[in-house]
Amino acid sequence: MERPDEELAREIVSTVLGVPVDRFEDGKANGQVDALIRYQDGDAALEIVADHDKAFNDQQAALHDSNDRIEVSGLRESWIVSLSRQARIKRVKEELPDLLRAFQANPPPRRSRMGFRTVELERLGIESALPTASRAPGRVYLVPQGWGGFGGHEGTVGEWVTRVLGKHGDVPAKLAAHPGVVERHAFIWATDTSDMGVQTQLEPGDDHPFPVTPPTLPTGVTHLWVGGQRWRQGVLAWFPDRGWWRAPWTSP
């Protein structure tokens, strides 16, 4: 089955280039590219991949299974606990209750506006733990650490592309193996877990650093697309005869 992000990528490439882009992979053979770009003078291969942070997604799944909270008997207040990307939910659920009861009996001497920050919490991958008045004493809300970052520099997108294609070696391998094509395109989706500098530069605006330096692409990739799925994010592309350019598409 074709994923929605694959279908959307085909639609974007087709609209921007003004040619059909047909689904190619049918699961009947290994190593098939996702799609073919139908130029009048020959086909081009297209492979589509999304940049996901597996550790973050695994943490989100574990939080969903516990309804983003745990119930701890003996606490007089509710707590808000901020989790780092490294926190393991199973271990947090096992060890945090005793730790919070100990904090309630003997509060740590140092406490920031954001809550308690101690070596014990850090060992569990917890950024902070904040007690708060509530009608549900003993309820501990587990909150993922927020995403943040800076706009980056002109090389941010290109460097990120090299890292992503390095992690997904099957993308250039499939493109390189496909016979009889004039170009080999890789389309990379940036997600909520991608480099914040990349996400910022996908938003149109004169204040964003625009990539200039050609990306270092693996063998098998000749053309590049980088798309954003969040509101107002668009698509950056790199073609060898054109350099970096902003494609005329923006996420609604």
C-alpha atoms as a PDB file:
ATOM      1  CA  MET A   1       0.000   0.000   0.000  1.00  0.00           C
ATOM      2  CA  GLU A   2       1.261   3.474  -0.843  1.00  0.00           C
ATOM      3  CA  ARG A   3       1.691   5.720   2.174  1.00  0.00           C
ATOM      4  CA  PRO A   4      -0.056   9.121   2.181  1.00  0.00           C
ATOM      5  CA  ASP A   5       3.276  10.968   2.286  1.00  0.00           C
ATOM      6  CA  GLU A   6       4.448   9.032  -0.781  1.00  0.00           C
ATOM      7  CA  GLU A   7       1.295   9.931  -2.678  1.00  0.00           C
ATOM      8  CA  LEU A   8       1.640  13.597  -1.711  1.00  0.00           C
ATOM      9  CA  ALA A   9       5.301  13.658  -2.767  1.00  0.00           C
ATOM     10  CA  ARG A  10       4.354  12.276  -6.183  1.00  0.00           C
ATOM     11  CA  GLU A  11       1.658  14.933  -6.496  1.00  0.00           C
ATOM     12  CA  ILE A  12       4.101  17.731  -5.599  1.00  0.00           C
ATOM     13  CA  VAL A  13       6.787  16.578  -8.046  1.00  0.00           C
ATOM     14  CA  SER A  14       4.192  16.136 -10.791  1.00  0.00           C
ATOM     15  CA  THR A  15       2.692  19.602 -10.210  1.00  0.00           C
ATOM     16  CA  VAL A  16       6.066  21.364 -10.033  1.00  0.00           C
ATOM     17  CA  LEU A  17       7.586  19.637 -13.079  1.00  0.00           C
ATOM     18  CA  GLY A  18       4.366  19.558 -15.102  1.00  0.00           C
ATOM     19  CA  VAL A  19       4.661  15.871 -16.005  1.00  0.00           C
ATOM     20  CA  PRO A  20       2.980  12.679 -14.738  1.00  0.00           C
ATOM     21  CA  VAL A  21       4.586  10.884 -11.804  1.00  0.00           C
ATOM     22  CA  ASP A  22       3.319   7.306 -11.588  1.00  0.00           C
ATOM     23  CA  ARG A  23       3.490   4.839  -8.745  1.00  0.00           C
ATOM     24  CA  PHE A  24       5.969   2.076  -9.643  1.00  0.00           C
ATOM     25  CA  GLU A  25       6.524  -0.093  -6.565  1.00  0.00           C
ATOM     26  CA  ASP A  26       4.002  -2.937  -6.503  1.00  0.00           C
ATOM     27  CA  GLY A  27       5.669  -5.305  -4.040  1.00  0.00           C
ATOM     28  CA  LYS A  28       6.264  -8.001  -6.659  1.00  0.00           C
ATOM     29  CA  ALA A  29      10.042  -7.619  -6.540  1.00  0.00           C
ATOM     30  CA  ASN A  30      12.664  -6.431  -4.066  1.00  0.00           C
ATOM     31  CA  GLY A  31      14.400  -3.074  -4.425  1.00  0.00           C
ATOM     32  CA  GLN A  32      11.778  -1.303  -6.523  1.00  0.00           C
ATOM     33  CA  VAL A  33      11.785   2.506  -6.596  1.00  0.00           C
ATOM     34  CA  ASP A  34       8.641   4.238  -5.392  1.00  0.00           C
ATOM     35  CA  ALA A  35       7.710   6.086  -8.600  1.00  0.00           C
ATOM     36  CA  LEU A  36       8.690   7.112 -12.117  1.00  0.00           C
ATOM     37  CA  ILE A  37       8.701  10.679 -13.440  1.00  0.00           C
ATOM     38  CA  ARG A  38       7.416  10.547 -17.023  1.00  0.00           C
ATOM     39  CA  TYR A  39       9.425  13.074 -19.038  1.00  0.00           C
ATOM     40  CA  GLN A  40       8.739  13.186 -22.779  1.00  0.00           C
ATOM     41  CA  ASP A  41      12.303  12.065 -23.545  1.00  0.00           C
ATOM     42  CA  GLY A  42      12.489   9.317 -20.928  1.00  0.00           C
ATOM     43  CA  ASP A  43      11.700   8.296 -17.372  1.00  0.00           C
ATOM     44  CA  ALA A  44      13.333   9.445 -14.133  1.00  0.00           C
ATOM     45  CA  ALA A  45      13.309   7.401 -10.913  1.00  0.00           C
ATOM     46  CA  LEU A  46      11.872   8.767  -7.655  1.00  0.00           C
ATOM     47  CA  GLU A  47      12.410   7.391  -4.151  1.00  0.00           C
ATOM     48  CA  ILE A  48      10.588   8.880  -1.135  1.00  0.00           C
ATOM     49  CA  VAL A  49      11.636   8.720   2.521  1.00  0.00           C
ATOM     50  CA  ALA A  50      10.655  10.473   5.767  1.00  0.00           C
ATOM     51  CA  ASP A  51      13.059  11.521   8.520  1.00  0.00           C
ATOM     52  CA  HIS A  52      11.715  10.015  11.764  1.00  0.00           C
ATOM     53  CA  ASP A  53      13.349   9.914  15.197  1.00  0.00           C
ATOM     54  CA  LYS A  54      12.781   6.288  16.230  1.00  0.00           C
ATOM     55  CA  ALA A  55      13.562   6.910  19.908  1.00  0.00           C
ATOM     56  CA  PHE A  56      11.017   9.735  20.046  1.00  0.00           C
ATOM     57  CA  ASN A  57       8.347   7.686  18.261  1.00  0.00           C
ATOM     58  CA  ASP A  58       8.915   4.729  20.585  1.00  0.00           C
ATOM     59  CA  GLN A  59       8.578   7.053  23.580  1.00  0.00           C
ATOM     60  CA  GLN A  60       5.359   8.519  22.180  1.00  0.00           C
ATOM     61  CA  ALA A  61       3.912   5.042  21.713  1.00  0.00           C
ATOM     62  CA  ALA A  62       4.773   4.106  25.293  1.00  0.00           C
ATOM     63  CA  LEU A  63       3.211   7.330  26.583  1.00  0.00           C
ATOM     64  CA  HIS A  64       0.064   6.647  24.584  1.00  0.00           C
ATOM     65  CA  ASP A  65      -0.203   3.182  26.138  1.00  0.00           C
ATOM     66  CA  SER A  66      -0.150   4.741  29.633  1.00  0.00           C
ATOM     67  CA  ASN A  67      -2.511   7.629  28.698  1.00  0.00           C
ATOM     68  CA  ASP A  68       0.381  10.054  29.298  1.00  0.00           C
ATOM     69  CA  ARG A  69       0.143   9.660  33.068  1.00  0.00           C
ATOM     70  CA  ILE A  70       0.593   7.326  36.016  1.00  0.00           C
ATOM     71  CA  GLU A  71      -1.269   7.127  39.346  1.00  0.00           C
ATOM     72  CA  VAL A  72       0.897   7.200  42.484  1.00  0.00           C
ATOM     73  CA  SER A  73      -0.676   6.496  45.868  1.00  0.00           C
ATOM     74  CA  GLY A  74       0.365   8.610  48.850  1.00  0.00           C
ATOM     75  CA  LEU A  75       0.939  11.883  46.981  1.00  0.00           C
ATOM     76  CA  ARG A  76      -0.987  14.934  48.198  1.00  0.00           C
ATOM     77  CA  GLU A  77      -0.603  16.813  44.906  1.00  0.00           C
ATOM     78  CA  SER A  78      -0.436  16.015  41.248  1.00  0.00           C
ATOM     79  CA  TRP A  79       2.866  16.308  39.396  1.00  0.00           C
ATOM     80  CA  ILE A  80       3.983  17.371  35.946  1.00  0.00           C
ATOM     81  CA  VAL A  81       7.082  15.490  34.819  1.00  0.00           C
ATOM     82  CA  SER A  82       9.055  16.590  31.754  1.00  0.00           C
ATOM     83  CA  LEU A  83      10.776  13.723  29.949  1.00  0.00           C
ATOM     84  CA  SER A  84      13.926  13.940  27.862  1.00  0.00           C
ATOM     85  CA  ARG A  85      14.276  12.022  24.599  1.00  0.00           C
ATOM     86  CA  GLN A  86      16.389   9.441  26.461  1.00  0.00           C
ATOM     87  CA  ALA A  87      13.769   8.604  29.116  1.00  0.00           C
ATOM     88  CA  ARG A  88      12.429   5.047  29.068  1.00  0.00           C
ATOM     89  CA  ILE A  89       8.781   5.020  30.107  1.00  0.00           C
ATOM     90  CA  LYS A  90       8.845   1.529  31.639  1.00  0.00           C
ATOM     91  CA  ARG A  91      11.731   2.463  33.920  1.00  0.00           C
ATOM     92  CA  VAL A  92      10.137   5.814  34.794  1.00  0.00           C
ATOM     93  CA  LYS A  93       6.904   4.076  35.818  1.00  0.00           C
ATOM     94  CA  GLU A  94       8.832   1.622  37.988  1.00  0.00           C
ATOM     95  CA  GLU A  95      11.146   4.038  39.832  1.00  0.00           C
ATOM     96  CA  LEU A  96       9.453   7.447  39.803  1.00  0.00           C
ATOM     97  CA  PRO A  97       6.676   6.751  42.395  1.00  0.00           C
ATOM     98  CA  ASP A  98       9.106   6.101  45.268  1.00  0.00           C
ATOM     99  CA  LEU A  99      11.214   9.072  44.217  1.00  0.00           C
ATOM    100  CA  LEU A 100       8.244  11.477  44.232  1.00  0.00           C
ATOM    101  CA  ARG A 101       7.076  10.225  47.628  1.00  0.00           C
ATOM    102  CA  ALA A 102      10.605  10.868  48.930  1.00  0.00           C
ATOM    103  CA  PHE A 103      10.541  14.387  47.451  1.00  0.00           C
ATOM    104  CA  GLN A 104       7.217  15.021  49.160  1.00  0.00           C
ATOM    105  CA  ALA A 105       8.603  13.977  52.540  1.00  0.00           C
ATOM    106  CA  ASN A 106      11.957  15.755  52.125  1.00  0.00           C
ATOM    107  CA  PRO A 107      11.931  18.279  49.260  1.00  0.00           C
ATOM    108  CA  PRO A 108      15.317  18.724  47.562  1.00  0.00           C
ATOM    109  CA  PRO A 109      17.053  21.963  48.596  1.00  0.00           C
ATOM    110  CA  ARG A 110      17.399  23.314  45.072  1.00  0.00           C
ATOM    111  CA  ARG A 111      14.289  23.930  42.991  1.00  0.00           C
ATOM    112  CA  SER A 112      13.917  26.000  39.834  1.00  0.00           C
ATOM    113  CA  ARG A 113      10.775  27.685  38.549  1.00  0.00           C
ATOM    114  CA  MET A 114      10.282  24.682  36.281  1.00  0.00           C
ATOM    115  CA  GLY A 115      10.333  22.212  39.169  1.00  0.00           C
ATOM    116  CA  PHE A 116      12.763  19.868  40.898  1.00  0.00           C
ATOM    117  CA  ARG A 117      15.949  19.006  39.047  1.00  0.00           C
ATOM    118  CA  THR A 118      18.102  16.400  40.743  1.00  0.00           C
ATOM    119  CA  VAL A 119      20.679  13.771  39.926  1.00  0.00           C
ATOM    120  CA  GLU A 120      18.100  11.062  40.634  1.00  0.00           C
ATOM    121  CA  LEU A 121      15.680  12.556  38.117  1.00  0.00           C
ATOM    122  CA  GLU A 122      18.431  13.022  35.549  1.00  0.00           C
ATOM    123  CA  ARG A 123      19.335   9.359  35.902  1.00  0.00           C
ATOM    124  CA  LEU A 124      15.799   8.500  34.765  1.00  0.00           C
ATOM    125  CA  GLY A 125      15.984  10.886  31.834  1.00  0.00           C
ATOM    126  CA  ILE A 126      13.659  13.396  33.517  1.00  0.00           C
ATOM    127  CA  GLU A 127      14.230  17.094  32.877  1.00  0.00           C
ATOM    128  CA  SER A 128      12.099  18.313  35.788  1.00  0.00           C
ATOM    129  CA  ALA A 129       9.288  17.335  38.165  1.00  0.00           C
ATOM    130  CA  LEU A 130       6.826  19.977  39.336  1.00  0.00           C
ATOM    131  CA  PRO A 131       4.181  19.451  42.068  1.00  0.00           C
ATOM    132  CA  THR A 132       0.940  21.336  41.530  1.00  0.00           C
ATOM    133  CA  ALA A 133      -2.380  21.688  43.304  1.00  0.00           C
ATOM    134  CA  SER A 134      -5.018  19.452  41.742  1.00  0.00           C
ATOM    135  CA  ARG A 135      -8.334  17.756  42.308  1.00  0.00           C
ATOM    136  CA  ALA A 136      -6.574  14.532  41.343  1.00  0.00           C
ATOM    137  CA  PRO A 137      -3.807  14.043  43.960  1.00  0.00           C
ATOM    138  CA  GLY A 138      -1.382  11.315  43.043  1.00  0.00           C
ATOM    139  CA  ARG A 139      -1.791  11.787  39.303  1.00  0.00           C
ATOM    140  CA  VAL A 140       1.560  12.232  37.557  1.00  0.00           C
ATOM    141  CA  TYR A 141       1.423  13.701  34.048  1.00  0.00           C
ATOM    142  CA  LEU A 142       4.271  12.614  31.763  1.00  0.00           C
ATOM    143  CA  VAL A 143       5.091  15.356  29.257  1.00  0.00           C
ATOM    144  CA  PRO A 144       7.645  14.957  26.424  1.00  0.00           C
ATOM    145  CA  GLN A 145      10.401  17.532  26.279  1.00  0.00           C
ATOM    146  CA  GLY A 146       9.523  20.286  23.828  1.00  0.00           C
ATOM    147  CA  TRP A 147      11.323  20.720  20.522  1.00  0.00           C
ATOM    148  CA  GLY A 148      13.426  23.780  19.909  1.00  0.00           C
ATOM    149  CA  GLY A 149      16.379  25.103  18.004  1.00  0.00           C
ATOM    150  CA  PHE A 150      17.634  27.835  15.727  1.00  0.00           C
ATOM    151  CA  GLY A 151      17.245  28.786  12.093  1.00  0.00           C
ATOM    152  CA  GLY A 152      20.605  27.340  11.179  1.00  0.00           C
ATOM    153  CA  HIS A 153      22.916  28.541   8.423  1.00  0.00           C
ATOM    154  CA  GLU A 154      23.115  28.178   4.662  1.00  0.00           C
ATOM    155  CA  GLY A 155      24.617  24.701   4.959  1.00  0.00           C
ATOM    156  CA  THR A 156      22.077  23.307   7.446  1.00  0.00           C
ATOM    157  CA  VAL A 157      19.734  21.676   4.917  1.00  0.00           C
ATOM    158  CA  GLY A 158      22.517  20.173   2.838  1.00  0.00           C
ATOM    159  CA  GLU A 159      24.284  18.690   5.860  1.00  0.00           C
ATOM    160  CA  TRP A 160      21.001  17.251   7.148  1.00  0.00           C
ATOM    161  CA  VAL A 161      20.277  15.685   3.747  1.00  0.00           C
ATOM    162  CA  THR A 162      23.640  13.906   3.799  1.00  0.00           C
ATOM    163  CA  ARG A 163      22.902  12.511   7.288  1.00  0.00           C
ATOM    164  CA  VAL A 164      19.406  11.305   6.347  1.00  0.00           C
ATOM    165  CA  LEU A 165      20.535   9.569   3.157  1.00  0.00           C
ATOM    166  CA  GLY A 166      23.397   8.032   5.136  1.00  0.00           C
ATOM    167  CA  LYS A 167      20.873   6.457   7.530  1.00  0.00           C
ATOM    168  CA  HIS A 168      18.606   5.312   4.685  1.00  0.00           C
ATOM    169  CA  GLY A 169      21.118   3.640   2.410  1.00  0.00           C
ATOM    170  CA  ASP A 170      18.378   1.757   0.578  1.00  0.00           C
ATOM    171  CA  VAL A 171      17.236   5.024  -1.039  1.00  0.00           C
ATOM    172  CA  PRO A 172      20.354   5.662  -3.161  1.00  0.00           C
ATOM    173  CA  ALA A 173      20.790   1.900  -3.669  1.00  0.00           C
ATOM    174  CA  LYS A 174      17.323   1.532  -5.225  1.00  0.00           C
ATOM    175  CA  LEU A 175      17.806   4.605  -7.384  1.00  0.00           C
ATOM    176  CA  ALA A 176      21.226   3.460  -8.598  1.00  0.00           C
ATOM    177  CA  ALA A 177      19.923  -0.017  -9.461  1.00  0.00           C
ATOM    178  CA  HIS A 178      16.945   1.151 -11.524  1.00  0.00           C
ATOM    179  CA  PRO A 179      17.839   0.786 -15.221  1.00  0.00           C
ATOM    180  CA  GLY A 180      17.252   3.125 -18.118  1.00  0.00           C
ATOM    181  CA  VAL A 181      16.481   6.394 -16.341  1.00  0.00           C
ATOM    182  CA  VAL A 182      17.866   9.848 -17.132  1.00  0.00           C
ATOM    183  CA  GLU A 183      17.682  11.193 -13.556  1.00  0.00           C
ATOM    184  CA  ARG A 184      17.454   9.768 -10.050  1.00  0.00           C
ATOM    185  CA  HIS A 185      15.424  11.867  -7.577  1.00  0.00           C
ATOM    186  CA  ALA A 186      15.277  11.495  -3.779  1.00  0.00           C
ATOM    187  CA  PHE A 187      12.379  13.172  -1.954  1.00  0.00           C
ATOM    188  CA  ILE A 188      12.940  13.575   1.814  1.00  0.00           C
ATOM    189  CA  TRP A 189      10.124  14.579   4.151  1.00  0.00           C
ATOM    190  CA  ALA A 190      11.138  16.591   7.231  1.00  0.00           C
ATOM    191  CA  THR A 191       8.947  15.716  10.228  1.00  0.00           C
ATOM    192  CA  ASP A 192       8.297  17.166  13.685  1.00  0.00           C
ATOM    193  CA  THR A 193      11.393  15.346  14.927  1.00  0.00           C
ATOM    194  CA  SER A 194      13.718  16.719  12.239  1.00  0.00           C
ATOM    195  CA  ASP A 195      16.386  19.386  12.753  1.00  0.00           C
ATOM    196  CA  MET A 196      14.643  22.627  13.741  1.00  0.00           C
ATOM    197  CA  GLY A 197      16.913  24.596  11.431  1.00  0.00           C
ATOM    198  CA  VAL A 198      15.671  22.552   8.472  1.00  0.00           C
ATOM    199  CA  GLN A 199      12.036  23.021   9.500  1.00  0.00           C
ATOM    200  CA  THR A 200      12.546  26.778   9.820  1.00  0.00           C
ATOM    201  CA  GLN A 201      14.128  27.094   6.393  1.00  0.00           C
ATOM    202  CA  LEU A 202      11.250  25.179   4.806  1.00  0.00           C
ATOM    203  CA  GLU A 203       8.997  28.110   5.705  1.00  0.00           C
ATOM    204  CA  PRO A 204       9.039  30.794   3.013  1.00  0.00           C
ATOM    205  CA  GLY A 205      10.432  34.135   4.154  1.00  0.00           C
ATOM    206  CA  ASP A 206      13.323  36.499   3.527  1.00  0.00           C
ATOM    207  CA  ASP A 207      14.632  36.073   7.084  1.00  0.00           C
ATOM    208  CA  HIS A 208      15.533  32.395   6.692  1.00  0.00           C
ATOM    209  CA  PRO A 209      19.065  31.391   5.658  1.00  0.00           C
ATOM    210  CA  PHE A 210      18.808  29.952   2.160  1.00  0.00           C
ATOM    211  CA  PRO A 211      21.023  26.985   1.221  1.00  0.00           C
ATOM    212  CA  VAL A 212      23.772  27.759  -1.261  1.00  0.00           C
ATOM    213  CA  THR A 213      26.386  25.013  -0.985  1.00  0.00           C
ATOM    214  CA  PRO A 214      25.616  21.912  -3.103  1.00  0.00           C
ATOM    215  CA  PRO A 215      24.743  18.892  -0.949  1.00  0.00           C
ATOM    216  CA  THR A 216      27.053  15.897  -0.754  1.00  0.00           C
ATOM    217  CA  LEU A 217      24.884  13.214  -2.331  1.00  0.00           C
ATOM    218  CA  PRO A 218      25.599   9.478  -2.360  1.00  0.00           C
ATOM    219  CA  THR A 219      26.050   7.617  -5.620  1.00  0.00           C
ATOM    220  CA  GLY A 220      22.632   7.004  -7.142  1.00  0.00           C
ATOM    221  CA  VAL A 221      21.073  10.362  -6.251  1.00  0.00           C
ATOM    222  CA  THR A 222      21.239  13.120  -8.871  1.00  0.00           C
ATOM    223  CA  HIS A 223      18.308  15.349  -7.847  1.00  0.00           C
ATOM    224  CA  LEU A 224      16.927  16.235  -4.441  1.00  0.00           C
ATOM    225  CA  TRP A 225      13.631  17.391  -2.910  1.00  0.00           C
ATOM    226  CA  VAL A 226      13.102  18.349   0.763  1.00  0.00           C
ATOM    227  CA  GLY A 227       9.505  18.814   1.907  1.00  0.00           C
ATOM    228  CA  GLY A 228       7.843  19.928   5.142  1.00  0.00           C
ATOM    229  CA  GLN A 229       4.490  18.635   6.373  1.00  0.00           C
ATOM    230  CA  ARG A 230       3.682  21.341   8.911  1.00  0.00           C
ATOM    231  CA  TRP A 231       1.562  24.407   8.208  1.00  0.00           C
ATOM    232  CA  ARG A 232       3.323  26.984   5.998  1.00  0.00           C
ATOM    233  CA  GLN A 233       6.267  24.716   5.289  1.00  0.00           C
ATOM    234  CA  GLY A 234       7.139  24.230   1.663  1.00  0.00           C
ATOM    235  CA  VAL A 235       9.619  22.373  -0.527  1.00  0.00           C
ATOM    236  CA  LEU A 236      13.272  23.063  -1.276  1.00  0.00           C
ATOM    237  CA  ALA A 237      14.899  21.350  -4.242  1.00  0.00           C
ATOM    238  CA  TRP A 238      18.424  20.932  -5.585  1.00  0.00           C
ATOM    239  CA  PHE A 239      19.080  20.145  -9.252  1.00  0.00           C
ATOM    240  CA  PRO A 240      22.636  19.917 -10.635  1.00  0.00           C
ATOM    241  CA  ASP A 241      21.881  22.429 -13.411  1.00  0.00           C
ATOM    242  CA  ARG A 242      19.974  24.824 -11.162  1.00  0.00           C
ATOM    243  CA  GLY A 243      21.327  24.595  -7.644  1.00  0.00           C
ATOM    244  CA  TRP A 244      19.000  25.192  -4.685  1.00  0.00           C
ATOM    245  CA  TRP A 245      15.551  26.633  -5.358  1.00  0.00           C
ATOM    246  CA  ARG A 246      12.198  26.907  -3.608  1.00  0.00           C
ATOM    247  CA  ALA A 247       9.469  24.913  -5.314  1.00  0.00           C
ATOM    248  CA  PRO A 248       6.064  26.620  -5.691  1.00  0.00           C
ATOM    249  CA  TRP A 249       4.204  24.522  -3.095  1.00  0.00           C
ATOM    250  CA  THR A 250       3.268  25.232   0.511  1.00  0.00           C
ATOM    251  CA  SER A 251       1.546  22.914   2.971  1.00  0.00           C
ATOM    252  CA  PRO A 252      -2.042  24.131   3.571  1.00  0.00           C
END
